[in-house]
PDB file of N, CA and C in Angstrom:
ATOM      1  N   MET A   1     -36.485 109.036-113.429  1.00  0.00           N
ATOM      2  CA  MET A   1     -37.781 108.584-113.865  1.00  0.00           C
ATOM      3  C   MET A   1     -38.834 109.180-112.938  1.00  0.00           C
ATOM      4  N   VAL A   2     -39.878 109.698-113.512  1.00  0.00           N
ATOM      5  CA  VAL A   2     -40.965 110.275-112.737  1.00  0.00           C
ATOM      6  C   VAL A   2     -41.938 109.164-112.378  1.00  0.00           C
ATOM      7  N   GLN A   3     -42.267 109.080-111.107  1.00  0.00           N
ATOM      8  CA  GLN A   3     -43.202 108.057-110.665  1.00  0.00           C
ATOM      9  C   GLN A   3     -44.487 108.721-110.199  1.00  0.00           C
ATOM     10  N   THR A   4     -45.603 108.248-110.719  1.00  0.00           N
ATOM     11  CA  THR A   4     -46.902 108.755-110.323  1.00  0.00           C
ATOM     12  C   THR A   4     -47.678 107.628-109.677  1.00  0.00           C
ATOM     13  N   ILE A   5     -48.171 107.883-108.496  1.00  0.00           N
ATOM     14  CA  ILE A   5     -48.962 106.880-107.802  1.00  0.00           C
ATOM     15  C   ILE A   5     -50.429 107.260-107.946  1.00  0.00           C
ATOM     16  N   ILE A   6     -51.187 106.352-108.509  1.00  0.00           N
ATOM     17  CA  ILE A   6     -52.610 106.586-108.720  1.00  0.00           C
ATOM     18  C   ILE A   6     -53.391 105.592-107.874  1.00  0.00           C
ATOM     19  N   LYS A   7     -54.275 106.098-107.045  1.00  0.00           N
ATOM     20  CA  LYS A   7     -55.141 105.251-106.230  1.00  0.00           C
ATOM     21  C   LYS A   7     -54.360 104.244-105.391  1.00  0.00           C
ATOM     22  N   ARG A   8     -53.296 104.663-104.768  1.00  0.00           N
ATOM     23  CA  ARG A   8     -52.534 103.754-103.914  1.00  0.00           C
ATOM     24  C   ARG A   8     -53.380 103.415-102.700  1.00  0.00           C
ATOM     25  N   SER A   9     -53.432 102.156-102.377  1.00  0.00           N
ATOM     26  CA  SER A   9     -54.232 101.702-101.250  1.00  0.00           C
ATOM     27  C   SER A   9     -53.327 101.230-100.123  1.00  0.00           C
ATOM     28  N   ASP A  10     -53.604 101.714 -98.926  1.00  0.00           N
ATOM     29  CA  ASP A  10     -52.873 101.248 -97.752  1.00  0.00           C
ATOM     30  C   ASP A  10     -53.684 100.210 -96.985  1.00  0.00           C
ATOM     31  N   ALA A  11     -54.789  99.774 -97.580  1.00  0.00           N
ATOM     32  CA  ALA A  11     -55.620  98.751 -96.936  1.00  0.00           C
ATOM     33  C   ALA A  11     -54.826  97.448 -96.847  1.00  0.00           C
ATOM     34  N   PRO A  12     -55.030  96.696 -95.786  1.00  0.00           N
ATOM     35  CA  PRO A  12     -54.333  95.411 -95.663  1.00  0.00           C
ATOM     36  C   PRO A  12     -54.690  94.477 -96.817  1.00  0.00           C
ATOM     37  N   LEU A  13     -53.725  93.705 -97.240  1.00  0.00           N
ATOM     38  CA  LEU A  13     -53.974  92.731 -98.299  1.00  0.00           C
ATOM     39  C   LEU A  13     -54.665  91.516 -97.688  1.00  0.00           C
ATOM     40  N   ASP A  14     -55.666  91.001 -98.394  1.00  0.00           N
ATOM     41  CA  ASP A  14     -56.336  89.806 -97.883  1.00  0.00           C
ATOM     42  C   ASP A  14     -55.639  88.557 -98.428  1.00  0.00           C
ATOM     43  N   THR A  15     -56.147  87.407 -98.065  1.00  0.00           N
ATOM     44  CA  THR A  15     -55.516  86.139 -98.437  1.00  0.00           C
ATOM     45  C   THR A  15     -55.390  85.988 -99.945  1.00  0.00           C
ATOM     46  N   ARG A  16     -56.443  86.331-100.676  1.00  0.00           N
ATOM     47  CA  ARG A  16     -56.399  86.213-102.143  1.00  0.00           C
ATOM     48  C   ARG A  16     -55.360  87.155-102.737  1.00  0.00           C
ATOM     49  N   ASP A  17     -55.283  88.366-102.196  1.00  0.00           N
ATOM     50  CA  ASP A  17     -54.286  89.326-102.675  1.00  0.00           C
ATOM     51  C   ASP A  17     -52.877  88.776-102.472  1.00  0.00           C
ATOM     52  N   LEU A  18     -52.631  88.263-101.274  1.00  0.00           N
ATOM     53  CA  LEU A  18     -51.305  87.723-100.963  1.00  0.00           C
ATOM     54  C   LEU A  18     -50.977  86.505-101.820  1.00  0.00           C
ATOM     55  N   GLN A  19     -51.971  85.668-102.085  1.00  0.00           N
ATOM     56  CA  GLN A  19     -51.741  84.497-102.934  1.00  0.00           C
ATOM     57  C   GLN A  19     -51.358  84.918-104.350  1.00  0.00           C
ATOM     58  N   LEU A  20     -52.046  85.923-104.881  1.00  0.00           N
ATOM     59  CA  LEU A  20     -51.729  86.406-106.220  1.00  0.00           C
ATOM     60  C   LEU A  20     -50.315  86.985-106.249  1.00  0.00           C
ATOM     61  N   CYS A  21     -49.993  87.819-105.274  1.00  0.00           N
ATOM     62  CA  CYS A  21     -48.654  88.418-105.213  1.00  0.00           C
ATOM     63  C   CYS A  21     -47.584  87.342-105.053  1.00  0.00           C
ATOM     64  N   GLN A  22     -47.852  86.346-104.227  1.00  0.00           N
ATOM     65  CA  GLN A  22     -46.892  85.254-104.023  1.00  0.00           C
ATOM     66  C   GLN A  22     -46.667  84.484-105.314  1.00  0.00           C
ATOM     67  N   ARG A  23     -47.754  84.204-106.034  1.00  0.00           N
ATOM     68  CA  ARG A  23     -47.633  83.459-107.291  1.00  0.00           C
ATOM     69  C   ARG A  23     -46.797  84.241-108.308  1.00  0.00           C
ATOM     70  N   VAL A  24     -47.071  85.534-108.428  1.00  0.00           N
ATOM     71  CA  VAL A  24     -46.308  86.374-109.359  1.00  0.00           C
ATOM     72  C   VAL A  24     -44.841  86.415-108.938  1.00  0.00           C
ATOM     73  N   PHE A  25     -44.597  86.618-107.655  1.00  0.00           N
ATOM     74  CA  PHE A  25     -43.226  86.644-107.133  1.00  0.00           C
ATOM     75  C   PHE A  25     -42.506  85.337-107.448  1.00  0.00           C
ATOM     76  N   ASP A  26     -43.155  84.211-107.160  1.00  0.00           N
ATOM     77  CA  ASP A  26     -42.529  82.905-107.394  1.00  0.00           C
ATOM     78  C   ASP A  26     -42.222  82.679-108.871  1.00  0.00           C
ATOM     79  N   GLU A  27     -43.132  83.093-109.751  1.00  0.00           N
ATOM     80  CA  GLU A  27     -42.912  82.902-111.188  1.00  0.00           C
ATOM     81  C   GLU A  27     -41.747  83.751-111.688  1.00  0.00           C
ATOM     82  N   ILE A  28     -41.689  85.000-111.255  1.00  0.00           N
ATOM     83  CA  ILE A  28     -40.588  85.882-111.676  1.00  0.00           C
ATOM     84  C   ILE A  28     -39.264  85.355-111.141  1.00  0.00           C
ATOM     85  N   ARG A  29     -39.259  85.005-109.873  1.00  0.00           N
ATOM     86  CA  ARG A  29     -38.045  84.530-109.216  1.00  0.00           C
ATOM     87  C   ARG A  29     -37.540  83.242-109.856  1.00  0.00           C
ATOM     88  N   ALA A  30     -38.451  82.307-110.115  1.00  0.00           N
ATOM     89  CA  ALA A  30     -38.052  81.027-110.708  1.00  0.00           C
ATOM     90  C   ALA A  30     -37.518  81.220-112.127  1.00  0.00           C
ATOM     91  N   ALA A  31     -38.179  82.073-112.903  1.00  0.00           N
ATOM     92  CA  ALA A  31     -37.752  82.306-114.288  1.00  0.00           C
ATOM     93  C   ALA A  31     -36.363  82.936-114.346  1.00  0.00           C
ATOM     94  N   ALA A  32     -36.039  83.744-113.351  1.00  0.00           N
ATOM     95  CA  ALA A  32     -34.739  84.423-113.329  1.00  0.00           C
ATOM     96  C   ALA A  32     -33.712  83.681-112.474  1.00  0.00           C
ATOM     97  N   ASP A  33     -34.118  82.542-111.899  1.00  0.00           N
ATOM     98  CA  ASP A  33     -33.237  81.739-111.045  1.00  0.00           C
ATOM     99  C   ASP A  33     -32.644  82.572-109.901  1.00  0.00           C
ATOM    100  N   ILE A  34     -33.536  83.263-109.206  1.00  0.00           N
ATOM    101  CA  ILE A  34     -33.133  84.117-108.083  1.00  0.00           C
ATOM    102  C   ILE A  34     -33.564  83.442-106.788  1.00  0.00           C
ATOM    103  N   PRO A  35     -32.653  83.275-105.843  1.00  0.00           N
ATOM    104  CA  PRO A  35     -33.033  82.668-104.559  1.00  0.00           C
ATOM    105  C   PRO A  35     -34.107  83.494-103.852  1.00  0.00           C
ATOM    106  N   ARG A  36     -35.025  82.794-103.215  1.00  0.00           N
ATOM    107  CA  ARG A  36     -36.116  83.459-102.502  1.00  0.00           C
ATOM    108  C   ARG A  36     -35.572  84.428-101.457  1.00  0.00           C
ATOM    109  N   LYS A  37     -34.627  83.963-100.677  1.00  0.00           N
ATOM    110  CA  LYS A  37     -34.076  84.794 -99.603  1.00  0.00           C
ATOM    111  C   LYS A  37     -32.762  85.416-100.063  1.00  0.00           C
ATOM    112  N   SER A  38     -32.901  86.397-100.924  1.00  0.00           N
ATOM    113  CA  SER A  38     -31.744  87.133-101.421  1.00  0.00           C
ATOM    114  C   SER A  38     -32.143  88.601-101.514  1.00  0.00           C
ATOM    115  N   GLU A  39     -31.161  89.445-101.680  1.00  0.00           N
ATOM    116  CA  GLU A  39     -31.450  90.874-101.800  1.00  0.00           C
ATOM    117  C   GLU A  39     -32.350  91.141-103.010  1.00  0.00           C
ATOM    118  N   GLU A  40     -32.044  90.492-104.127  1.00  0.00           N
ATOM    119  CA  GLU A  40     -32.862  90.688-105.329  1.00  0.00           C
ATOM    120  C   GLU A  40     -34.254  90.095-105.148  1.00  0.00           C
ATOM    121  N   GLY A  41     -34.355  88.982-104.444  1.00  0.00           N
ATOM    122  CA  GLY A  41     -35.664  88.401-104.157  1.00  0.00           C
ATOM    123  C   GLY A  41     -36.521  89.348-103.331  1.00  0.00           C
ATOM    124  N   GLU A  42     -35.909  89.972-102.347  1.00  0.00           N
ATOM    125  CA  GLU A  42     -36.636  90.939-101.519  1.00  0.00           C
ATOM    126  C   GLU A  42     -37.056  92.152-102.338  1.00  0.00           C
ATOM    127  N   ARG A  43     -36.194  92.571-103.242  1.00  0.00           N
ATOM    128  CA  ARG A  43     -36.520  93.711-104.109  1.00  0.00           C
ATOM    129  C   ARG A  43     -37.719  93.377-104.994  1.00  0.00           C
ATOM    130  N   ILE A  44     -37.717  92.192-105.570  1.00  0.00           N
ATOM    131  CA  ILE A  44     -38.834  91.768-106.421  1.00  0.00           C
ATOM    132  C   ILE A  44     -40.128  91.743-105.616  1.00  0.00           C
ATOM    133  N   ALA A  45     -40.072  91.175-104.420  1.00  0.00           N
ATOM    134  CA  ALA A  45     -41.269  91.106-103.569  1.00  0.00           C
ATOM    135  C   ALA A  45     -41.801  92.505-103.270  1.00  0.00           C
ATOM    136  N   ALA A  46     -40.914  93.425-102.950  1.00  0.00           N
ATOM    137  CA  ALA A  46     -41.334  94.794-102.636  1.00  0.00           C
ATOM    138  C   ALA A  46     -41.977  95.468-103.846  1.00  0.00           C
ATOM    139  N   ILE A  47     -41.422  95.231-105.023  1.00  0.00           N
ATOM    140  CA  ILE A  47     -41.983  95.826-106.237  1.00  0.00           C
ATOM    141  C   ILE A  47     -43.368  95.252-106.516  1.00  0.00           C
ATOM    142  N   VAL A  48     -43.512  93.935-106.378  1.00  0.00           N
ATOM    143  CA  VAL A  48     -44.816  93.296-106.616  1.00  0.00           C
ATOM    144  C   VAL A  48     -45.868  93.883-105.679  1.00  0.00           C
ATOM    145  N   ILE A  49     -45.553  93.970-104.404  1.00  0.00           N
ATOM    146  CA  ILE A  49     -46.516  94.496-103.424  1.00  0.00           C
ATOM    147  C   ILE A  49     -46.852  95.955-103.723  1.00  0.00           C
ATOM    148  N   GLU A  50     -45.848  96.750-104.028  1.00  0.00           N
ATOM    149  CA  GLU A  50     -46.096  98.170-104.304  1.00  0.00           C
ATOM    150  C   GLU A  50     -46.977  98.346-105.539  1.00  0.00           C
ATOM    151  N   LEU A  51     -46.687  97.612-106.595  1.00  0.00           N
ATOM    152  CA  LEU A  51     -47.518  97.708-107.800  1.00  0.00           C
ATOM    153  C   LEU A  51     -48.946  97.249-107.516  1.00  0.00           C
ATOM    154  N   PHE A  52     -49.080  96.191-106.735  1.00  0.00           N
ATOM    155  CA  PHE A  52     -50.413  95.704-106.378  1.00  0.00           C
ATOM    156  C   PHE A  52     -51.171  96.776-105.603  1.00  0.00           C
ATOM    157  N   ARG A  53     -50.512  97.413-104.661  1.00  0.00           N
ATOM    158  CA  ARG A  53     -51.147  98.481-103.875  1.00  0.00           C
ATOM    159  C   ARG A  53     -51.523  99.676-104.745  1.00  0.00           C
ATOM    160  N   GLN A  54     -50.805  99.850-105.849  1.00  0.00           N
ATOM    161  CA  GLN A  54     -51.112 100.943-106.769  1.00  0.00           C
ATOM    162  C   GLN A  54     -52.256 100.590-107.709  1.00  0.00           C
ATOM    163  N   GLY A  55     -52.742  99.359-107.624  1.00  0.00           N
ATOM    164  CA  GLY A  55     -53.914  98.985-108.401  1.00  0.00           C
ATOM    165  C   GLY A  55     -53.681  98.001-109.525  1.00  0.00           C
ATOM    166  N   VAL A  56     -52.452  97.535-109.707  1.00  0.00           N
ATOM    167  CA  VAL A  56     -52.176  96.551-110.759  1.00  0.00           C
ATOM    168  C   VAL A  56     -52.588  95.184-110.220  1.00  0.00           C
ATOM    169  N   ARG A  57     -53.639  94.613-110.784  1.00  0.00           N
ATOM    170  CA  ARG A  57     -54.174  93.343-110.280  1.00  0.00           C
ATOM    171  C   ARG A  57     -53.972  92.177-111.245  1.00  0.00           C
ATOM    172  N   ASN A  58     -53.712  92.473-112.496  1.00  0.00           N
ATOM    173  CA  ASN A  58     -53.525  91.429-113.498  1.00  0.00           C
ATOM    174  C   ASN A  58     -52.129  90.826-113.337  1.00  0.00           C
ATOM    175  N   PRO A  59     -52.039  89.507-113.122  1.00  0.00           N
ATOM    176  CA  PRO A  59     -50.726  88.880-112.907  1.00  0.00           C
ATOM    177  C   PRO A  59     -49.733  89.122-114.048  1.00  0.00           C
ATOM    178  N   GLU A  60     -50.214  89.077-115.283  1.00  0.00           N
ATOM    179  CA  GLU A  60     -49.307  89.300-116.421  1.00  0.00           C
ATOM    180  C   GLU A  60     -48.799  90.739-116.441  1.00  0.00           C
ATOM    181  N   HIS A  61     -49.659  91.679-116.110  1.00  0.00           N
ATOM    182  CA  HIS A  61     -49.232  93.078-116.041  1.00  0.00           C
ATOM    183  C   HIS A  61     -48.218  93.268-114.916  1.00  0.00           C
ATOM    184  N   LEU A  62     -48.486  92.638-113.784  1.00  0.00           N
ATOM    185  CA  LEU A  62     -47.536  92.724-112.668  1.00  0.00           C
ATOM    186  C   LEU A  62     -46.161  92.215-113.093  1.00  0.00           C
ATOM    187  N   LYS A  63     -46.135  91.061-113.752  1.00  0.00           N
ATOM    188  CA  LYS A  63     -44.852  90.486-114.176  1.00  0.00           C
ATOM    189  C   LYS A  63     -44.109  91.426-115.114  1.00  0.00           C
ATOM    190  N   LEU A  64     -44.822  91.968-116.099  1.00  0.00           N
ATOM    191  CA  LEU A  64     -44.178  92.870-117.053  1.00  0.00           C
ATOM    192  C   LEU A  64     -43.651  94.132-116.376  1.00  0.00           C
ATOM    193  N   LEU A  65     -44.441  94.691-115.466  1.00  0.00           N
ATOM    194  CA  LEU A  65     -44.012  95.911-114.786  1.00  0.00           C
ATOM    195  C   LEU A  65     -42.835  95.651-113.845  1.00  0.00           C
ATOM    196  N   VAL A  66     -42.825  94.504-113.196  1.00  0.00           N
ATOM    197  CA  VAL A  66     -41.685  94.161-112.333  1.00  0.00           C
ATOM    198  C   VAL A  66     -40.438  93.986-113.192  1.00  0.00           C
ATOM    199  N   GLN A  67     -40.579  93.307-114.311  1.00  0.00           N
ATOM    200  CA  GLN A  67     -39.428  93.135-115.206  1.00  0.00           C
ATOM    201  C   GLN A  67     -38.923  94.495-115.682  1.00  0.00           C
ATOM    202  N   GLY A  68     -39.844  95.393-115.990  1.00  0.00           N
ATOM    203  CA  GLY A  68     -39.448  96.736-116.403  1.00  0.00           C
ATOM    204  C   GLY A  68     -38.731  97.484-115.296  1.00  0.00           C
ATOM    205  N   ALA A  69     -39.240  97.369-114.079  1.00  0.00           N
ATOM    206  CA  ALA A  69     -38.615  98.041-112.936  1.00  0.00           C
ATOM    207  C   ALA A  69     -37.217  97.493-112.672  1.00  0.00           C
ATOM    208  N   ARG A  70     -37.035  96.222-112.954  1.00  0.00           N
ATOM    209  CA  ARG A  70     -35.726  95.590-112.754  1.00  0.00           C
ATOM    210  C   ARG A  70     -34.810  95.786-113.955  1.00  0.00           C
ATOM    211  N   GLY A  71     -35.363  96.272-115.069  1.00  0.00           N
ATOM    212  CA  GLY A  71     -34.557  96.446-116.275  1.00  0.00           C
ATOM    213  C   GLY A  71     -34.357  95.155-117.038  1.00  0.00           C
ATOM    214  N   THR A  72     -35.223  94.179-116.777  1.00  0.00           N
ATOM    215  CA  THR A  72     -35.157  92.897-117.481  1.00  0.00           C
ATOM    216  C   THR A  72     -36.467  92.696-118.217  1.00  0.00           C
ATOM    217  N   PHE A  73     -36.420  92.767-119.510  1.00  0.00           N
ATOM    218  CA  PHE A  73     -37.635  92.644-120.306  1.00  0.00           C
ATOM    219  C   PHE A  73     -37.681  91.280-120.971  1.00  0.00           C
ATOM    220  N   PRO A  74     -38.888  90.709-121.102  1.00  0.00           N
ATOM    221  CA  PRO A  74     -38.998  89.395-121.745  1.00  0.00           C
ATOM    222  C   PRO A  74     -38.646  89.487-123.224  1.00  0.00           C
ATOM    223  N   GLU A  75     -38.166  88.393-123.746  1.00  0.00           N
ATOM    224  CA  GLU A  75     -37.871  88.321-125.170  1.00  0.00           C
ATOM    225  C   GLU A  75     -39.180  88.392-125.944  1.00  0.00           C
ATOM    226  N   ALA A  76     -39.150  88.963-127.115  1.00  0.00           N
ATOM    227  CA  ALA A  76     -40.356  89.088-127.938  1.00  0.00           C
ATOM    228  C   ALA A  76     -40.953  87.717-128.250  1.00  0.00           C
ATOM    229  N   ALA A  77     -40.113  86.698-128.371  1.00  0.00           N
ATOM    230  CA  ALA A  77     -40.592  85.353-128.696  1.00  0.00           C
ATOM    231  C   ALA A  77     -41.401  84.742-127.560  1.00  0.00           C
ATOM    232  N   GLU A  78     -41.185  85.196-126.334  1.00  0.00           N
ATOM    233  CA  GLU A  78     -41.889  84.635-125.187  1.00  0.00           C
ATOM    234  C   GLU A  78     -43.328  85.128-125.101  1.00  0.00           C
ATOM    235  N   ARG A  79     -43.639  86.192-125.763  1.00  0.00           N
ATOM    236  CA  ARG A  79     -44.986  86.766-125.686  1.00  0.00           C
ATOM    237  C   ARG A  79     -45.918  86.037-126.525  1.00  0.00           C
TER     238      ARG A  79
END
């Protein structure tokens, strides 16, 4: 898969940024019943942060992109 990074920011995340990322992480993790302190939990957290740094700020977009990166897509009925 070809990955293109557009406008990646290395600026530190502020409190609001971290809160948004934490909320998205917690929602994805809870929905998939993944322990917070697990290898998969760490992978999800890393994906959320990387996507956020690439400019994805919408929580729903973050969730969908993380699910795509993990190969787990939501059911059509959930949308």
